[in-house]
Amino acid sequence: MNTPGSVSWEPTAAQAIIDELKSKPGALLPILHAIQNRFAYVPEEAVALIAPALKLSRAEVHGVISFYHHFRTHQPGRHVVEICRAEACQAQGSRALEAHAKSSLGVDYHGTTADRAITLEPVYCLGNCSCGASVRVGDEIYARMTPESFDELVDGLRTERLEVLS
């Protein structure tokens, strides 16, 4: 499954999103979500369009982006792999899984592999507490992950053969 959006930055498309949503109450969050859904991240160029449209400073827009862990300010890899860091998953081995993932991918959280295939991100609860450690890729949640099953998942992502993981 590819990263949502993953299209090249288009200022006119971003402006259309802003124009469509700017009159809604609390428009900033819906605009940020729509921009990220379209482009897979919120580029600096989008902030420059959003701020004046909402009569906010760029610092105010950046403050919201940096407050919410969900928003990215850099283009992610083809796949975003999120490891649950909630207490229930930690009790089921997510810390060891995190260490393995960082080591095997050669990146820390919010980093992207050199081949641009995988971006590793933390998530703070996937609602799959009885089946931790859990990992999400796109809309799919993978339960009871081990270092071995993580490697199998990553291999499948890199070769686009996720059906072998079922």
Foldseek 3Di string as FASTA:
>chain_A
DFQQACDDDDVVVLLVLCVVQLVDVVSLVVSQVVVCNNHVAQEPVSLVNNCVSNVHDSVVSVVVQVVDQPHHHDRAAGKEKEWEPEPLQVVLPSVVVQVLVCVVQVHHAQDAHPVSQYHYHYDHDPPPSVFHRWMDIDHDIDGSDDSVLVVVCSVCSVVVNNVVSD
